[in-house]
Structures are given as C-alpha cells and as structure tokens.
Amino acid sequence: MKKLELKTNDVPKVAIVGRPNVGKSTLFNIITGTRKSVVKDQPGVTRDIMIEPVEIWGKTFDLIDTGGVTEAADLFSKMIKEQVISFLESVDLIIMVADGRAGLIPEDRDIVTIVKKTGKPFLLLINKVDKVQDEETAKADFYEFSDEPITAAFEQRKGIAETLEWITNLIPEKLIEKERGITFSIVGKPNVGKSSLCNSILGISRMMVSPIAGTTVDAVDSQFEYDNKVFTLIDTAGLRRKSKVEEDIEVIANFKTREAIRKSQMVLLVIDCVEGPTEQDAKILELILEDHRGVIIVANKSDLAKKENPHYREKFREQIERHFHFFTDVNIVFTSAHEGKGLGELMNEIQTTVEKMNFRTTTSELNDWFFNAIRRAPAPRAGTVNVKFYYLTQTYQKPPAFIAFANYPDAVTPSYRRFLVNQMKDHFKLYGVPIRIFCMRSRNQGE
C-alpha cells in the first residue's frame, strides 16, 4: 500500500474506532504515552474526540480516540455515532478495534460499513486475544472484512508494535511540529455552555454539544488560528462540588479539569449570565488563582439574560464584585455561544490578557514605582519596629510575580501585599492579571 499524499503542513490523522469497551482508549493511552483518555470498564466513557500528537520511529501523526459506536437508542449513543461518522471524513487512516472474546457481532459489521464508506486505509485490530492458540479462532470471524487482521491484547502490550508498523509504513517522514501558541482552557460548572462556546470559537462541531449536564468527560485539545496567531483550546468537563461528585467518571473528569488548568497559560471561566455567579464559581476561580493562571470571566447566554433584564450587564458586574471580592478586577466578556456573539471581543481579550501576563519592566522603573507606592501607606510593623523595604525585583514567572526584600518580611501582612498589588495594577495597567508579591529577608542589609 502506498504512502499517504499530504500537503506540506498537514499532519496525518489516525482515528481509532469501535464499539464501546473494546479497548480503544487503552490503545490510545499506550501509543501516546499519556492517560488523557479516560479508561474504565464501563461502556460510553469516551464521549468526545481526543487528539494527541505522536512521534515514533521518525514519523509524526495525530492519534484520535473516538466514542464507542453502538446502535443503542439513548441520546448519548446516537450523538456519538453521528459525531464519529462526521469526523472520519477528515482523517487519513483508521484503526478499527474489535473484541476477540465477544467475536463478531452485528454492530461490528455496521462499523466496518461506516469505515469502508470513507475510502480510507484501515486496520482491523482484534483485542483481548490473550493466548496464542486463540489467535486463528479470533481472526476467523473477521476475514470477510480484512485479509490481514491483527490480534492483540493491549493490557499485555501485544499487537502494539504491529499496529505502529502499519501506521508508520503509510505516513511520510516527520513534519515540522506546529507551535501550540496561546494555550487556554474553558472551565465552569456543568451546563453553562462550555462546549457550545468551544464550537463557536473553532467554527466546527468536533465537541459533542448537549443540553444534558455532564456531557464532556475528557479534557479535549483543539488547535486553531485567529488573527494570524496560533491558539490551543482545551474544553473540559463541568466542575461540580465534591459532594455532588458521585460517579467515578466525574471524579476522573474533575481531576482532568484541574490538569487542564495547570497546562494552560490562561483560563476562561464560563458562567451562566442568567443564573449569575455562585459560590461554586467562586471556588473554581480560587482554584485557577491557586495555580497562578490568567483568567477571563465569560458571561455566556447573554442573549437570554438581555430578554429578562435590559440592564443585565450592570447586574452581572455587581454580582461579580460581591461573589469575587478577592479578585474584583477580573475581566468580563459577555457572549452568546448560541448566536455567536462576543467571540471577537473574547479573542481580543485573550490576546490582551496574555500580553499583560508577559509584562516585564526594568529594575529601575520598578523600584521608582515601588518606593513611591510604600510612601502612600503606613509601613507594616514588627512589634515596635517599622518594616523597612530595600528593593523589589521581578521573577521570571508568568503571570508577573515579584519579590520585595525587607528587614522583617514575616511582618508584611496579606492586606499590605494586596495594597501593593492594587497599586501596581493601577500604575502598570495590569487589571485582570493575578499578580503575586513575595517578601524575603535581604541578605545584604543589616538591621
């Protein structure tokens, strides 16, 4: 079989398809060397399409895990099937995974039909064949679909090398890796419109959108270009209060959301503009600030809020100040993912916030501001002695962080540090950026 013919900047896309619970996500995790795709002995766990770049044996490709295709009548199953059928048109190679223990069943025939209609090269991979003596029996049912099916046992790493050999024989040499650009994640409570917002930004329907809370389980990366800049967007599962996290899947989803926040430069916290911010939203914002990430509040469903109250923006901002009293200058963008409104303003705000996060200034300019600022408020006291500041220096952290050297650093209270942070934001126009100021004892100054 000849190699794929790709454009210069194309990265080959290899999709894994099959029925629920045949081992697709296990194969994805083994090849990518990650645990991105949720693996659990429960059908229907993978609900969104997962994409991860792979480099192996001098070849580069994107590996794609898809939801389990089934004829079940429930809403999720129908959505997953439609999603996979649509997405397969954009891939280059397809790996169909079947269950060797179950043998050939009608749903496997349906999936093979779907795969063959694409006209793309495909590999039939029969998983859960643990014993050598069972290999020919397992293959027998599937010969009508493929002359060269491969038996495998993913948990034993059997069949992985053969699978990789099939992929690498068909794709060209390694291409230049695309930059990730500005990386941001979309987080928030369930059912506030995160996946709809993601779809509106991307202009495609790769993420499954549903009115049912809890649709997105995995954190899903998508790369796109806007205004000649590269962005990587991470859509995540809705974060619930711990008392509401009852299923194992939701525990895993919450963990993956935290992981997504940590790998992002900044985070979009999506809040239902009609409902307004809640205590749970405040806790999510605290998580973002704990990880020292830039953040923008996205007030989604503003079209519905406007119908209820023409002054919804003023009302929402008042609610933000009340609930987010620990970070009142957070930037807010009003959007309607349903109508596609506010997206340009949101993308511009993302770029502006990232520029602020990359802020650096000279030591002399920084200390000119610093000594003017500390003159505006009484110095903290260590017992009967005033705290004396010597100088301020900027670290290499992003968003900006600073170290103030003083004779009694432990006496510098959180309220005084907040005063300095607010003064700094006013002077350097750094509103909406979570700045930190640490205090340390100077090594060069005596008491």
Protein backbone atom coordinates (compact mmCIF):
# COMPACT_ATOMS: atom_id res chain seq x y z
CA MET A 1 0.00 0.00 0.00
CA LYS A 2 1.48 3.37 -0.99
CA LYS A 3 2.18 6.17 1.49
CA LEU A 4 -0.31 8.95 2.07
CA GLU A 5 -0.01 12.04 -0.11
CA LEU A 6 -0.11 15.03 2.22
CA LYS A 7 0.24 18.77 1.84
CA THR A 8 3.40 20.34 3.27
CA ASN A 9 1.82 21.47 6.54
CA ASP A 10 -0.51 18.52 7.03
CA VAL A 11 -0.06 16.15 9.97
CA PRO A 12 -1.50 12.68 9.26
CA LYS A 13 -4.56 11.86 11.37
CA VAL A 14 -5.10 8.31 12.60
CA ALA A 15 -8.50 7.55 14.15
CA ILE A 16 -9.34 4.66 16.49
CA VAL A 17 -12.96 3.46 16.20
CA GLY A 18 -15.01 0.58 17.51
CA ARG A 19 -17.82 -0.46 19.82
CA PRO A 20 -17.87 0.72 23.45
CA ASN A 21 -15.48 -1.02 25.85
CA VAL A 22 -13.34 -2.84 23.27
CA GLY A 23 -10.12 -1.10 24.42
CA LYS A 24 -9.88 1.96 22.16
CA SER A 25 -8.85 4.33 24.95
CA THR A 26 -6.31 1.84 26.31
CA LEU A 27 -4.67 1.67 22.87
CA PHE A 28 -4.74 5.48 22.63
CA ASN A 29 -3.04 5.88 26.01
CA ILE A 30 -0.36 3.27 25.26
CA ILE A 31 0.64 4.79 21.92
CA THR A 32 0.54 8.41 23.13
CA GLY A 33 2.23 7.61 26.45
CA THR A 34 -0.46 9.56 28.32
CA ARG A 35 -3.55 8.94 30.40
CA LYS A 36 -5.52 11.58 28.56
CA SER A 37 -8.31 9.28 27.53
CA VAL A 38 -10.46 8.05 30.41
CA VAL A 39 -10.18 4.27 30.76
CA LYS A 40 -12.80 2.42 32.75
CA ASP A 41 -14.56 -0.91 32.39
CA GLN A 42 -17.82 0.82 31.55
CA PRO A 43 -19.35 1.42 28.10
CA GLY A 44 -19.74 5.01 26.94
CA VAL A 45 -16.88 6.53 28.91
CA THR A 46 -15.19 8.25 25.95
CA ARG A 47 -17.78 10.80 24.80
CA ASP A 48 -15.63 13.35 22.98
CA ILE A 49 -12.93 13.04 20.36
CA MET A 50 -9.43 13.05 21.85
CA ILE A 51 -6.43 14.14 19.75
CA GLU A 52 -2.79 13.76 20.77
CA PRO A 53 0.38 14.24 18.66
CA VAL A 54 2.64 11.19 18.42
CA GLU A 55 6.27 10.95 17.31
CA ILE A 56 7.64 7.45 16.82
CA TRP A 57 10.24 5.78 14.60
CA GLY A 58 10.94 9.10 12.87
CA LYS A 59 7.30 9.63 11.97
CA THR A 60 4.79 12.16 13.33
CA PHE A 61 1.00 11.86 13.35
CA ASP A 62 -2.09 12.83 15.36
CA LEU A 63 -3.77 9.90 17.09
CA ILE A 64 -7.51 10.27 17.65
CA ASP A 65 -9.68 8.40 20.15
CA THR A 66 -13.40 8.38 19.41
CA GLY A 67 -16.53 7.49 21.32
CA GLY A 68 -17.84 3.93 21.16
CA VAL A 69 -20.22 3.42 18.23
CA THR A 70 -23.36 1.48 19.09
CA GLU A 71 -26.95 1.07 17.92
CA ALA A 72 -28.32 1.86 21.41
CA ALA A 73 -31.30 4.20 21.35
CA ASP A 74 -30.20 6.59 24.12
CA LEU A 75 -29.32 10.19 23.25
CA PHE A 76 -25.59 9.89 24.02
CA SER A 77 -25.17 6.82 21.81
CA LYS A 78 -26.90 8.49 18.86
CA MET A 79 -24.82 11.65 19.26
CA ILE A 80 -21.57 9.69 19.49
CA LYS A 81 -22.34 7.72 16.33
CA GLU A 82 -23.22 10.85 14.34
CA GLN A 83 -20.11 12.57 15.67
CA VAL A 84 -17.77 9.72 14.68
CA ILE A 85 -19.28 9.29 11.20
CA SER A 86 -18.86 13.01 10.53
CA PHE A 87 -15.32 13.16 11.89
CA LEU A 88 -13.96 10.18 9.94
CA GLU A 89 -14.20 12.21 6.74
CA SER A 90 -11.31 14.39 7.97
CA VAL A 91 -8.86 11.60 8.96
CA ASP A 92 -6.25 9.75 6.89
CA LEU A 93 -6.03 6.29 8.48
CA ILE A 94 -8.50 4.29 10.58
CA ILE A 95 -7.88 1.58 13.17
CA MET A 96 -10.99 -0.44 13.94
CA VAL A 97 -10.80 -2.28 17.27
CA ALA A 98 -12.96 -5.34 17.89
CA ASP A 99 -13.36 -7.62 20.93
CA GLY A 100 -11.87 -11.09 20.34
CA ARG A 101 -13.68 -12.55 23.34
CA ALA A 102 -17.10 -11.44 22.10
CA GLY A 103 -16.36 -12.37 18.49
CA LEU A 104 -18.09 -10.77 15.51
CA ILE A 105 -21.41 -9.15 16.37
CA PRO A 106 -23.84 -7.09 14.19
CA GLU A 107 -22.55 -3.74 15.49
CA ASP A 108 -19.05 -4.64 14.26
CA ARG A 109 -20.49 -5.13 10.77
CA ASP A 110 -22.14 -1.71 10.96
CA ILE A 111 -18.85 -0.07 11.96
CA VAL A 112 -16.93 -1.79 9.15
CA THR A 113 -19.55 -0.47 6.71
CA ILE A 114 -19.07 3.06 8.08
CA VAL A 115 -15.28 2.74 7.81
CA LYS A 116 -15.30 1.33 4.27
CA LYS A 117 -17.56 4.12 3.05
CA THR A 118 -14.83 6.65 3.87
CA GLY A 119 -12.46 5.04 1.36
CA LYS A 120 -9.59 5.48 3.85
CA PRO A 121 -6.99 2.75 4.57
CA PHE A 122 -7.98 0.85 7.70
CA LEU A 123 -6.54 -1.77 10.03
CA LEU A 124 -8.74 -4.36 11.75
CA LEU A 125 -7.34 -4.92 15.23
CA ILE A 126 -8.84 -7.73 17.35
CA ASN A 127 -8.19 -7.01 21.04
CA LYS A 128 -8.42 -9.24 24.15
CA VAL A 129 -6.83 -12.26 22.45
CA ASP A 130 -4.59 -13.25 25.34
CA LYS A 131 -3.48 -16.75 24.23
CA VAL A 132 -1.56 -17.66 21.08
CA GLN A 133 -3.75 -20.71 20.49
CA ASP A 134 -6.83 -18.46 20.27
CA GLU A 135 -5.44 -16.20 17.52
CA GLU A 136 -6.69 -18.06 14.44
CA THR A 137 -10.11 -18.65 16.00
CA ALA A 138 -10.43 -14.93 16.76
CA LYS A 139 -9.40 -13.98 13.21
CA ALA A 140 -11.76 -16.44 11.51
CA ASP A 141 -14.90 -14.32 12.01
CA PHE A 142 -13.22 -11.19 10.64
CA TYR A 143 -11.52 -12.46 7.46
CA GLU A 144 -14.52 -11.37 5.39
CA PHE A 145 -13.61 -7.74 6.20
CA SER A 146 -9.83 -7.86 6.02
CA ASP A 147 -7.15 -10.18 4.60
CA GLU A 148 -4.71 -9.22 7.35
CA PRO A 149 -6.45 -8.63 10.70
CA ILE A 150 -4.10 -8.32 13.68
CA THR A 151 -4.76 -9.95 17.03
CA ALA A 152 -3.81 -8.04 20.15
CA ALA A 153 -4.00 -7.90 23.93
CA PHE A 154 -3.47 -4.26 24.84
CA GLU A 155 -3.03 -4.87 28.56
CA GLN A 156 -0.11 -7.18 27.69
CA ARG A 157 1.19 -4.71 25.05
CA LYS A 158 0.63 -7.43 22.45
CA GLY A 159 -0.10 -6.17 18.92
CA ILE A 160 1.15 -2.64 19.62
CA ALA A 161 4.35 -2.96 17.58
CA GLU A 162 2.43 -4.39 14.61
CA THR A 163 -0.08 -1.53 14.82
CA LEU A 164 2.67 1.10 14.88
CA GLU A 165 4.42 -0.60 11.96
CA TRP A 166 1.20 -0.43 9.92
CA ILE A 167 0.83 3.29 10.69
CA THR A 168 4.43 4.27 10.04
CA ASN A 169 4.59 2.32 6.76
CA LEU A 170 1.82 4.54 5.41
CA ILE A 171 2.82 8.01 6.57
CA PRO A 172 5.72 10.21 5.37
CA GLU A 173 8.76 11.28 7.35
CA LYS A 174 8.43 13.60 10.34
CA LEU A 175 6.95 17.01 9.55
CA ILE A 176 7.72 20.29 11.27
CA GLU A 177 5.78 20.37 14.53
CA LYS A 178 3.21 23.13 14.87
CA GLU A 179 3.59 25.52 17.77
CA ARG A 180 0.94 25.42 20.48
CA GLY A 181 0.73 29.22 20.61
CA ILE A 182 -1.52 30.69 23.28
CA THR A 183 -2.97 27.81 25.31
CA PHE A 184 -6.20 28.38 27.20
CA SER A 185 -8.79 26.13 28.81
CA ILE A 186 -12.53 26.56 29.15
CA VAL A 187 -13.88 25.62 32.59
CA GLY A 188 -17.03 26.12 34.62
CA LYS A 189 -19.97 24.36 36.17
CA PRO A 190 -21.88 21.81 34.08
CA ASN A 191 -24.37 23.05 31.51
CA VAL A 192 -23.21 26.68 31.24
CA GLY A 193 -22.42 26.35 27.52
CA LYS A 194 -18.71 25.50 27.55
CA SER A 195 -18.78 23.06 24.63
CA SER A 196 -21.12 25.35 22.66
CA LEU A 197 -18.66 28.19 23.22
CA CYS A 198 -15.82 25.92 22.14
CA ASN A 199 -17.66 25.01 18.95
CA SER A 200 -18.40 28.66 18.21
CA ILE A 201 -14.73 29.58 18.61
CA LEU A 202 -13.48 26.73 16.48
CA GLY A 203 -16.20 27.00 13.89
CA ILE A 204 -16.53 23.21 13.82
CA SER A 205 -18.55 20.64 15.72
CA ARG A 206 -15.77 18.42 16.99
CA MET A 207 -17.00 18.59 20.59
CA MET A 208 -20.35 17.00 21.32
CA VAL A 209 -22.90 19.61 22.46
CA SER A 210 -25.86 18.54 24.56
CA PRO A 211 -28.39 20.15 26.93
CA ILE A 212 -27.65 17.34 29.39
CA ALA A 213 -25.28 18.32 32.23
CA GLY A 214 -22.14 16.21 32.37
CA THR A 215 -21.67 15.50 28.65
CA THR A 216 -17.94 16.30 28.48
CA VAL A 217 -15.77 13.84 30.42
CA ASP A 218 -12.32 14.29 28.88
CA ALA A 219 -10.27 17.46 28.53
CA VAL A 220 -10.01 17.94 24.75
CA ASP A 221 -7.27 19.90 22.94
CA SER A 222 -8.01 21.76 19.69
CA GLN A 223 -5.55 23.93 17.76
CA PHE A 224 -6.69 26.79 15.53
CA GLU A 225 -5.57 30.11 14.11
CA TYR A 226 -7.10 33.53 14.72
CA ASP A 227 -5.75 36.90 13.58
CA ASN A 228 -2.65 35.11 12.21
CA LYS A 229 -1.85 33.68 15.65
CA VAL A 230 -1.88 30.07 16.83
CA PHE A 231 -4.11 29.06 19.75
CA THR A 232 -4.66 25.76 21.55
CA LEU A 233 -8.05 25.45 23.24
CA ILE A 234 -8.84 22.87 25.93
CA ASP A 235 -12.51 22.09 26.56
CA THR A 236 -13.15 20.41 29.92
CA ALA A 237 -15.82 18.65 31.92
CA GLY A 238 -18.03 20.75 34.20
CA LEU A 239 -16.67 21.07 37.73
CA ARG A 240 -19.17 20.11 40.42
CA ARG A 241 -18.99 20.50 44.18
CA LYS A 242 -17.28 17.48 45.75
CA SER A 243 -20.50 16.47 47.49
CA LYS A 244 -22.12 16.18 44.06
CA VAL A 245 -19.31 14.09 42.53
CA GLU A 246 -20.87 10.68 42.97
CA GLU A 247 -19.75 8.63 39.96
CA ASP A 248 -16.16 7.52 39.44
CA ILE A 249 -16.26 9.07 35.97
CA GLU A 250 -16.95 12.52 37.42
CA VAL A 251 -14.08 12.14 39.89
CA ILE A 252 -11.77 11.42 36.95
CA ALA A 253 -13.27 14.31 34.95
CA ASN A 254 -12.66 16.77 37.81
CA PHE A 255 -9.06 15.63 38.03
CA LYS A 256 -8.61 16.13 34.29
CA THR A 257 -10.06 19.63 34.54
CA ARG A 258 -7.50 20.56 37.18
CA GLU A 259 -4.81 19.07 34.96
CA ALA A 260 -6.06 21.16 32.01
CA ILE A 261 -5.89 24.35 34.10
CA ARG A 262 -2.28 23.63 35.03
CA LYS A 263 -1.20 23.15 31.40
CA SER A 264 -2.91 26.39 30.27
CA GLN A 265 -1.47 29.87 30.14
CA MET A 266 -4.88 31.23 30.95
CA VAL A 267 -8.42 30.08 31.70
CA LEU A 268 -11.88 31.12 30.56
CA LEU A 269 -14.32 30.68 33.46
CA VAL A 270 -17.74 30.36 31.84
CA ILE A 271 -20.72 31.49 33.93
CA ASP A 272 -24.41 31.40 33.02
CA CYS A 273 -25.29 35.08 32.59
CA VAL A 274 -28.92 34.39 33.55
CA GLU A 275 -28.10 32.50 36.74
CA GLY A 276 -25.17 34.73 37.67
CA PRO A 277 -22.07 33.74 39.66
CA THR A 278 -22.45 31.27 42.50
CA GLU A 279 -20.38 30.01 45.41
CA GLN A 280 -19.20 27.13 43.22
CA ASP A 281 -17.96 29.61 40.58
CA ALA A 282 -16.01 31.42 43.30
CA LYS A 283 -14.37 28.15 44.32
CA ILE A 284 -13.43 27.43 40.70
CA LEU A 285 -11.87 30.89 40.42
CA GLU A 286 -9.89 30.21 43.60
CA LEU A 287 -8.55 27.00 42.01
CA ILE A 288 -7.45 28.96 38.94
CA LEU A 289 -5.71 31.61 41.05
CA GLU A 290 -4.05 28.94 43.20
CA ASP A 291 -2.41 27.65 40.02
CA HIS A 292 -1.46 31.25 39.14
CA ARG A 293 -3.17 31.35 35.75
CA GLY A 294 -4.58 34.29 33.88
CA VAL A 295 -8.38 34.28 33.83
CA ILE A 296 -11.29 35.88 31.99
CA ILE A 297 -14.91 35.60 33.09
CA VAL A 298 -17.12 34.63 30.13
CA ALA A 299 -20.72 35.64 30.84
CA ASN A 300 -22.41 33.24 28.44
CA LYS A 301 -26.08 33.10 27.39
CA SER A 302 -26.21 36.91 27.37
CA ASP A 303 -28.95 36.74 24.72
CA LEU A 304 -31.27 35.12 27.27
CA ALA A 305 -30.17 37.45 30.06
CA LYS A 306 -30.95 40.51 27.93
CA LYS A 307 -34.52 39.31 27.39
CA GLU A 308 -35.04 39.08 31.15
CA ASN A 309 -33.29 42.33 32.09
CA PRO A 310 -32.08 45.11 29.71
CA HIS A 311 -29.55 46.12 32.40
CA TYR A 312 -28.15 42.61 32.75
CA ARG A 313 -24.52 43.72 32.33
CA GLU A 314 -24.63 46.10 35.28
CA LYS A 315 -26.38 43.46 37.37
CA PHE A 316 -23.82 40.79 36.44
CA ARG A 317 -20.86 43.05 37.26
CA GLU A 318 -22.36 43.84 40.67
CA GLN A 319 -22.76 40.11 41.32
CA ILE A 320 -19.14 39.50 40.32
CA GLU A 321 -17.87 42.14 42.74
CA ARG A 322 -19.92 40.57 45.53
CA HIS A 323 -19.01 36.93 44.91
CA PHE A 324 -15.43 37.50 43.74
CA HIS A 325 -14.42 40.06 46.36
CA PHE A 326 -10.92 38.51 46.39
CA PHE A 327 -10.37 39.39 42.69
CA THR A 328 -12.78 42.17 41.75
CA ASP A 329 -10.84 43.49 38.73
CA VAL A 330 -11.21 40.25 36.77
CA ASN A 331 -12.03 40.95 33.13
CA ILE A 332 -15.53 40.07 31.90
CA VAL A 333 -16.64 39.35 28.32
CA PHE A 334 -20.34 38.87 27.50
CA THR A 335 -21.04 36.18 24.90
CA SER A 336 -23.82 34.21 23.34
CA ALA A 337 -22.38 30.94 22.05
CA HIS A 338 -25.80 30.14 20.58
CA GLU A 339 -25.82 33.30 18.46
CA GLY A 340 -22.05 33.54 18.01
CA LYS A 341 -21.90 36.99 19.62
CA GLY A 342 -18.99 38.43 21.60
CA LEU A 343 -16.44 35.97 20.20
CA GLY A 344 -14.28 38.63 18.54
CA GLU A 345 -14.16 40.63 21.77
CA LEU A 346 -13.31 37.43 23.66
CA MET A 347 -10.41 36.54 21.35
CA ASN A 348 -9.06 40.10 21.59
CA GLU A 349 -9.31 39.99 25.39
CA ILE A 350 -7.42 36.68 25.44
CA GLN A 351 -4.57 38.23 23.48
CA THR A 352 -4.56 41.37 25.62
CA THR A 353 -4.52 39.34 28.83
CA VAL A 354 -1.63 37.19 27.58
CA GLU A 355 0.34 40.36 26.76
CA LYS A 356 -0.23 41.55 30.33
CA MET A 357 0.86 38.18 31.66
CA ASN A 358 4.14 38.57 29.75
CA PHE A 359 4.72 42.01 31.29
CA ARG A 360 8.30 42.86 32.24
CA THR A 361 9.86 46.14 33.31
CA THR A 362 13.31 47.38 34.22
CA THR A 363 14.55 47.18 37.82
CA SER A 364 14.97 50.95 38.00
CA GLU A 365 11.42 51.68 36.76
CA LEU A 366 10.04 49.02 39.08
CA ASN A 367 11.76 50.46 42.15
CA ASP A 368 10.85 54.05 41.28
CA TRP A 369 7.22 52.95 41.40
CA PHE A 370 7.78 50.77 44.50
CA PHE A 371 9.21 53.49 46.75
CA ASN A 372 6.54 55.95 45.65
CA ALA A 373 3.88 53.34 46.47
CA ILE A 374 5.11 52.48 50.00
CA ARG A 375 5.08 56.17 50.89
CA ARG A 376 1.30 56.19 50.37
CA ALA A 377 0.53 53.87 53.29
CA PRO A 378 1.93 53.37 56.82
CA ALA A 379 4.63 50.71 56.90
CA PRO A 380 3.80 47.35 58.49
CA ARG A 381 5.21 46.89 62.00
CA ALA A 382 7.22 44.08 63.53
CA GLY A 383 6.43 44.66 67.20
CA THR A 384 7.59 48.22 67.85
CA VAL A 385 9.76 48.45 64.73
CA ASN A 386 8.67 49.52 61.25
CA VAL A 387 9.31 47.16 58.38
CA LYS A 388 11.97 48.60 56.10
CA PHE A 389 11.88 47.73 52.40
CA TYR A 390 15.16 47.66 50.47
CA TYR A 391 14.15 46.92 46.88
CA LEU A 392 11.76 44.99 44.63
CA THR A 393 12.71 42.56 41.88
CA GLN A 394 10.68 40.72 39.24
CA THR A 395 10.88 36.94 38.89
CA TYR A 396 10.62 35.06 35.60
CA GLN A 397 7.15 33.70 36.42
CA LYS A 398 4.09 34.33 34.26
CA PRO A 399 1.75 35.96 35.21
CA PRO A 400 4.11 38.51 36.82
CA ALA A 401 5.46 37.79 40.30
CA PHE A 402 7.78 39.95 42.40
CA ILE A 403 9.98 39.65 45.49
CA ALA A 404 10.19 42.52 47.98
CA PHE A 405 13.29 42.40 50.19
CA ALA A 406 12.80 43.72 53.73
CA ASN A 407 14.24 43.53 57.24
CA TYR A 408 11.15 41.78 58.70
CA PRO A 409 9.43 40.01 55.78
CA ASP A 410 7.14 37.96 58.07
CA ALA A 411 5.55 41.17 59.33
CA VAL A 412 4.34 42.17 55.85
CA THR A 413 0.64 41.30 56.09
CA PRO A 414 -1.56 39.92 53.28
CA SER A 415 -3.54 43.16 53.34
CA TYR A 416 -0.37 45.20 52.76
CA ARG A 417 0.61 42.93 49.88
CA ARG A 418 -2.89 43.43 48.40
CA PHE A 419 -2.36 47.19 48.70
CA LEU A 420 0.90 46.89 46.73
CA VAL A 421 -0.70 44.63 44.10
CA ASN A 422 -3.57 47.09 43.57
CA GLN A 423 -1.13 49.99 43.29
CA MET A 424 0.91 48.05 40.77
CA LYS A 425 -2.15 47.21 38.66
CA ASP A 426 -3.14 50.88 38.60
CA HIS A 427 0.33 52.08 37.63
CA PHE A 428 1.23 49.46 35.02
CA LYS A 429 -2.35 48.88 33.72
CA LEU A 430 -2.33 45.22 34.67
CA TYR A 431 -6.03 44.85 35.50
CA GLY A 432 -7.34 41.31 35.41
CA VAL A 433 -3.94 39.67 35.96
CA PRO A 434 -3.28 37.67 39.18
CA ILE A 435 -0.07 39.35 40.37
CA ARG A 436 1.86 37.96 43.35
CA ILE A 437 4.30 39.74 45.63
CA PHE A 438 6.51 37.65 47.93
CA CYS A 439 8.60 39.04 50.78
CA MET A 440 12.09 37.86 51.74
CA ARG A 441 14.81 38.96 54.11
CA SER A 442 17.59 40.85 52.41
CA ARG A 443 20.98 39.13 52.56
CA ASN A 444 22.90 42.36 52.06
CA GLN A 445 21.26 44.63 54.60
CA GLY A 446 21.64 44.67 58.38
CA GLU A 447 19.00 45.68 60.89
